[in-house]
Protein backbone atom coordinates (compact mmCIF):
# COMPACT_ATOMS: atom_id res chain seq x y z
CA MET A 1 25.38 101.70 -2.94
CA ASN A 2 26.15 98.02 -2.40
CA LEU A 3 27.52 95.92 0.43
CA ALA A 4 31.00 95.53 -1.08
CA GLN A 5 31.36 99.31 -1.30
CA VAL A 6 30.23 99.77 2.30
CA GLU A 7 32.62 97.07 3.53
CA ALA A 8 35.51 98.61 1.57
CA PHE A 9 34.81 102.07 2.99
CA VAL A 10 34.48 100.83 6.60
CA HIS A 11 37.77 98.93 6.46
CA VAL A 12 39.65 101.85 4.88
CA ALA A 13 38.21 104.24 7.47
CA GLU A 14 39.01 101.97 10.44
CA HIS A 15 42.56 101.21 9.28
CA GLY A 16 43.33 104.75 8.11
CA SER A 17 44.77 103.71 4.76
CA PHE A 18 43.87 101.87 1.56
CA SER A 19 46.99 99.69 1.70
CA LYS A 20 46.29 98.36 5.21
CA ALA A 21 42.63 97.72 4.39
CA ALA A 22 43.57 95.90 1.17
CA LEU A 23 45.96 93.69 3.14
CA VAL A 24 43.30 92.81 5.72
CA LEU A 25 40.63 92.09 3.09
CA GLY A 26 43.03 90.26 0.78
CA VAL A 27 42.12 92.33 -2.29
CA ALA A 28 44.00 94.65 -4.62
CA GLN A 29 44.30 98.26 -3.48
CA PRO A 30 43.00 99.70 -6.81
CA LEU A 31 39.80 97.70 -6.36
CA LEU A 32 39.22 99.27 -2.94
CA SER A 33 39.87 102.73 -4.38
CA ARG A 34 37.29 102.16 -7.13
CA GLN A 35 34.68 100.90 -4.65
CA VAL A 36 35.11 103.87 -2.32
CA ARG A 37 35.11 106.30 -5.23
CA ALA A 38 31.90 104.75 -6.60
CA LEU A 39 30.33 105.18 -3.17
CA GLU A 40 31.34 108.85 -3.07
CA VAL A 41 29.88 109.41 -6.54
CA ASP A 42 26.63 107.66 -5.62
CA LEU A 43 26.25 109.70 -2.42
CA ARG A 44 27.62 112.91 -3.96
CA GLU A 45 29.85 113.37 -0.91
CA THR A 46 33.58 113.31 -0.25
CA LEU A 47 34.03 110.65 2.43
CA LEU A 48 37.81 110.46 2.77
CA GLU A 49 40.57 113.02 2.48
CA ARG A 50 43.84 111.53 1.18
CA HIS A 51 47.18 112.59 2.69
CA GLY A 52 50.75 111.33 2.73
CA ARG A 53 50.26 108.86 5.59
CA GLY A 54 46.86 107.53 4.55
CA VAL A 55 43.34 108.95 4.80
CA ARG A 56 41.19 110.89 7.25
CA LEU A 57 37.41 110.99 7.48
CA THR A 58 35.39 114.01 6.44
CA GLU A 59 32.28 114.93 8.43
CA ALA A 60 30.15 113.00 5.89
CA GLY A 61 32.57 110.09 6.20
CA ARG A 62 32.21 110.01 9.99
CA ARG A 63 28.43 109.87 9.69
CA LEU A 64 28.56 107.12 7.08
CA LEU A 65 31.06 105.10 9.15
CA GLU A 66 28.52 104.77 11.97
CA HIS A 67 25.87 103.54 9.51
CA GLY A 68 28.35 101.26 7.75
CA GLN A 69 29.45 99.54 10.96
CA ASP A 70 25.80 98.96 11.89
CA ILE A 71 25.08 97.58 8.41
CA LEU A 72 27.97 95.10 8.55
CA GLN A 73 26.93 94.05 12.06
CA LEU A 74 23.37 93.39 10.89
CA VAL A 75 24.62 91.40 7.91
CA GLN A 76 26.76 89.27 10.22
CA GLN A 77 23.79 88.71 12.53
CA ALA A 78 21.61 87.74 9.57
CA ARG A 79 24.16 85.16 8.44
CA GLU A 80 24.40 83.68 11.91
CA ASP A 81 20.62 83.69 12.42
CA LEU A 82 20.14 81.79 9.16
CA SER A 83 22.66 79.19 10.28
CA ALA A 84 21.19 78.97 13.79
CA GLN A 85 19.14 75.90 12.82
CA ARG A 86 22.41 73.99 12.85
CA ASP A 87 23.71 72.78 16.19
CA GLU A 88 27.01 74.58 15.81
CA PRO A 89 27.35 78.39 15.85
CA THR A 90 29.47 79.82 13.07
CA GLY A 91 30.90 83.21 12.21
CA ALA A 92 33.58 85.43 13.68
CA ILE A 93 33.70 87.31 16.97
CA THR A 94 36.18 89.81 18.42
CA LEU A 95 37.02 90.09 22.10
CA ALA A 96 39.05 92.97 23.61
CA VAL A 97 40.92 92.54 26.91
CA PRO A 98 43.42 94.44 29.11
CA PRO A 99 47.09 93.36 28.85
CA THR A 100 47.26 91.23 32.01
CA GLN A 101 44.03 89.44 31.19
CA ALA A 102 45.27 88.82 27.65
CA ARG A 103 48.32 87.06 29.07
CA LEU A 104 46.23 84.93 31.46
CA LEU A 105 43.23 84.14 29.28
CA THR A 106 44.37 83.86 25.67
CA LEU A 107 45.63 80.26 25.67
CA PRO A 108 42.89 78.62 27.81
CA LEU A 109 40.19 80.72 26.14
CA ILE A 110 41.21 79.80 22.59
CA GLN A 111 41.50 76.14 23.57
CA ALA A 112 38.01 76.14 25.10
CA PHE A 113 36.59 78.17 22.18
CA GLN A 114 38.03 75.78 19.59
CA SER A 115 36.65 72.80 21.46
CA SER A 116 33.16 74.32 21.82
CA TRP A 117 32.79 76.03 18.42
CA PRO A 118 35.25 74.54 15.89
CA ALA A 119 33.49 76.18 12.92
CA ALA A 120 33.72 79.70 14.41
CA ARG A 121 36.61 82.17 14.60
CA LEU A 122 37.80 84.23 17.57
CA ALA A 123 39.98 87.34 17.39
CA ILE A 124 41.49 88.80 20.59
CA MET A 125 42.56 92.46 20.80
CA GLU A 126 44.63 93.94 23.65
CA GLY A 127 44.41 97.46 25.07
CA PHE A 128 43.88 99.50 28.23
CA SER A 129 40.34 99.79 29.58
CA THR A 130 39.66 103.35 28.37
CA THR A 131 40.53 102.26 24.82
CA LEU A 132 38.43 99.09 25.03
CA THR A 133 35.25 101.04 25.74
CA GLU A 134 35.87 103.18 22.66
CA TRP A 135 36.41 100.04 20.56
CA LEU A 136 33.08 98.64 21.76
CA LEU A 137 31.17 101.80 20.93
CA THR A 138 32.71 102.07 17.44
CA GLY A 139 32.13 98.41 16.59
CA ARG A 140 35.79 97.31 16.50
CA CYS A 141 35.01 94.51 18.97
CA ASP A 142 31.89 92.60 20.00
CA LEU A 143 32.52 92.31 23.74
CA ALA A 144 35.27 93.28 26.16
CA LEU A 145 36.66 92.74 29.62
CA VAL A 146 37.03 96.21 31.13
CA TYR A 147 38.15 97.47 34.53
CA ASN A 148 35.71 99.95 36.09
CA PRO A 149 33.84 100.85 32.88
CA GLU A 150 32.00 104.15 32.74
CA PRO A 151 28.25 103.49 33.24
CA LEU A 152 26.81 104.49 29.86
CA ALA A 153 23.32 103.78 28.54
CA SER A 154 24.93 102.33 25.41
CA LEU A 155 26.73 99.60 27.39
CA GLU A 156 25.60 96.46 29.22
CA ILE A 157 27.93 95.88 32.19
CA LEU A 158 28.29 92.65 34.19
CA PRO A 159 30.74 92.75 37.15
CA LEU A 160 32.84 89.57 37.36
CA ARG A 161 35.44 89.95 40.11
CA GLN A 162 37.38 92.47 42.17
CA GLU A 163 41.15 92.78 41.91
CA ALA A 164 43.18 94.39 44.68
CA LEU A 165 45.99 96.87 44.04
CA CYS A 166 49.40 95.61 45.25
CA LEU A 167 52.93 96.97 45.32
CA TYR A 168 55.50 95.04 43.27
CA SER A 169 59.18 95.30 44.24
CA ALA A 170 62.38 93.48 43.40
CA ALA A 171 62.74 90.46 45.71
CA GLN A 172 65.39 92.21 47.83
CA GLN A 173 63.77 95.66 47.81
CA ALA A 174 60.38 95.09 49.43
CA PRO A 175 59.58 97.96 51.82
CA ALA A 176 59.99 97.09 55.49
CA GLY A 177 57.01 97.39 57.78
CA PRO A 178 53.36 98.03 56.92
CA LEU A 179 52.74 99.46 53.46
CA THR A 180 50.81 102.74 53.59
CA LEU A 181 50.23 105.49 51.05
CA GLN A 182 52.61 107.71 53.02
CA ARG A 183 55.32 105.04 52.71
CA LEU A 184 54.53 104.63 49.01
CA GLY A 185 55.18 108.33 48.44
CA GLN A 186 58.81 107.79 49.49
CA LEU A 187 59.46 105.07 46.85
CA PRO A 188 60.53 105.54 43.20
CA LEU A 189 57.75 104.18 41.00
CA VAL A 190 57.57 102.61 37.55
CA MET A 191 53.97 102.97 36.37
CA PRO A 192 51.77 102.63 33.29
CA GLN A 193 50.97 105.85 31.48
CA ARG A 194 48.22 108.16 32.75
CA GLY A 195 44.73 106.88 32.02
CA GLN A 196 45.47 103.26 32.93
CA ILE A 197 42.84 102.29 35.49
CA PHE A 198 45.09 101.06 38.33
CA ARG A 199 47.26 104.15 38.10
CA SER A 200 44.16 106.36 38.17
CA ARG A 201 42.83 104.57 41.25
CA LEU A 202 46.18 104.87 43.02
CA GLU A 203 46.59 108.57 42.17
CA SER A 204 43.09 109.33 43.45
CA ALA A 205 43.73 107.52 46.74
CA ALA A 206 47.12 109.24 47.14
CA ALA A 207 45.67 112.68 46.41
CA MET A 208 42.93 112.16 49.02
CA ALA A 209 45.65 111.21 51.55
CA GLY A 210 47.78 114.24 50.62
CA VAL A 211 50.57 112.06 49.23
CA GLN A 212 52.69 113.05 46.21
CA LEU A 213 53.77 110.02 44.16
CA ASP A 214 57.30 109.82 42.74
CA VAL A 215 56.73 108.33 39.26
CA ARG A 216 60.19 107.99 37.69
CA TRP A 217 59.32 105.96 34.59
CA GLU A 218 56.17 105.39 32.52
CA VAL A 219 55.87 102.10 30.61
CA SER A 220 52.68 100.93 28.91
CA SER A 221 53.70 97.25 28.67
CA VAL A 222 52.99 95.32 31.88
CA PRO A 223 55.62 92.57 31.24
CA ALA A 224 58.27 95.21 30.44
CA LEU A 225 57.25 97.17 33.53
CA LEU A 226 57.69 94.09 35.74
CA ASP A 227 61.07 93.41 34.13
CA LEU A 228 62.14 96.88 35.28
CA VAL A 229 60.82 96.20 38.79
CA ALA A 230 62.64 92.84 38.95
CA ALA A 231 65.85 94.62 37.89
CA GLY A 232 65.52 97.05 40.80
CA VAL A 233 64.74 100.16 38.73
CA GLY A 234 61.70 101.01 40.85
CA HIS A 235 58.47 99.76 42.40
CA ALA A 236 55.10 99.37 40.65
CA ALA A 237 51.50 99.39 41.87
CA LEU A 238 49.43 96.98 39.80
CA GLY A 239 46.56 94.56 40.18
CA GLU A 240 47.19 91.20 41.82
CA ASP A 241 46.68 89.34 38.52
CA ALA A 242 49.90 90.87 37.19
CA LEU A 243 51.92 88.41 39.31
CA ARG A 244 50.05 85.43 37.87
CA SER A 245 50.90 86.54 34.36
CA TYR A 246 54.64 87.05 35.00
CA GLU A 247 56.93 84.12 34.21
CA ARG A 248 59.69 85.12 36.68
CA ALA A 249 57.51 85.70 39.74
CA ASP A 250 60.29 84.49 42.06
CA ARG A 251 62.20 87.72 41.30
CA LEU A 252 59.38 89.85 42.71
CA ALA A 253 58.05 90.66 46.16
CA VAL A 254 54.39 91.64 46.54
CA SER A 255 53.10 93.86 49.35
CA ARG A 256 49.50 94.69 50.18
CA PHE A 257 48.39 98.06 51.49
CA LYS A 258 47.50 98.30 55.16
CA GLY A 259 44.20 99.99 55.93
CA GLU A 260 43.54 100.84 52.28
CA ASP A 261 40.95 99.15 50.10
CA ILE A 262 42.18 100.07 46.64
CA HIS A 263 40.76 97.75 44.04
CA CYS A 264 39.24 97.62 40.57
CA THR A 265 36.31 95.59 39.29
CA LEU A 266 36.73 93.51 36.15
CA CYS A 267 33.51 93.61 34.10
CA LEU A 268 32.18 91.96 30.97
CA VAL A 269 30.89 94.76 28.73
CA THR A 270 28.76 94.54 25.58
CA PRO A 271 26.96 97.18 23.48
CA SER A 272 23.32 97.47 24.51
CA SER A 273 22.26 98.53 20.99
CA ARG A 274 23.26 95.24 19.31
CA ARG A 275 21.33 92.01 19.70
CA PRO A 276 23.82 89.32 20.84
CA THR A 277 24.36 86.37 18.52
CA ARG A 278 24.43 82.77 19.75
CA LEU A 279 28.20 82.82 19.44
CA GLN A 280 28.46 86.01 21.52
CA GLN A 281 26.19 84.55 24.19
CA GLY A 282 28.30 81.39 24.33
CA LEU A 283 31.59 83.30 24.56
CA ALA A 284 30.17 85.58 27.26
CA SER A 285 29.15 82.55 29.36
CA LEU A 286 32.60 81.04 28.93
CA LEU A 287 34.31 84.29 30.02
CA VAL A 288 32.08 84.62 33.08
CA LYS A 289 32.92 81.05 34.12
CA MET A 290 36.68 81.43 33.60
CA CYS A 291 37.02 84.81 35.34
CA ARG A 292 34.90 83.86 38.34
CA GLU A 293 36.65 80.52 38.76
CA ARG A 294 40.02 82.28 38.75
CA GLY A 295 38.74 84.80 41.32
CA ALA A 296 37.53 81.99 43.57
CA ALA A 297 40.87 80.17 43.25
CA GLY A 298 42.75 83.38 44.07
């Protein structure tokens, strides 16, 4: 077993196909196939099952994937530790963020990152909070901004700021009078799919109040969802940051709930099992500063 074989296997397993992994690594697909096959011969195990759409992991492959991700992480840490004597951190780091935060943070974050660490590389992945936690635990990202993360022993969680749930309506369709959960139950809603954190919080509050929500459409893209709201298709309950990320905010009306404290907490989450690199520590400090400053300004 050698490092090139482990890296080839991990990329093929994570991407679900040899062709996608070869594209990411910038190598020929036959070379990846030979490296993975050599690994299977050395271990005397079948690691991947080939099928028409790519590959799937065997039980042995799933066990090796966990080891392989840890190995590659340790190698990356070793490289960065050996270069730590230089003033400037190097290496690559991956951050995962929810859609609204991706829209708000990507440009200023990359500008600040490039200014602070010009020799390093930053990758930003976007997904809903339940997916981000899974990415952290499987090593697909190094740190993440997550709404209301599940308190697991394998995660370090730092709360950054609270975000209130608001109702978004077309500018001419804002509900008259105080907004309550009972009033919300009478409105047609356009919402993210089940599992998205703000929808889960709203459904829990509505269920406790005995209110049945009328969800007409489910859209996983927040910008597309707000386009539908602005066009008068329905109303949406989202966090207050969604308005800041929308370029046509003048087409929307925002209402706050009366007598209801429905909010989510944005947290910085890192795996507790991995020692943070200098670059990860620097990026974490930058994220804390940016998120808390935005919360104070709001």
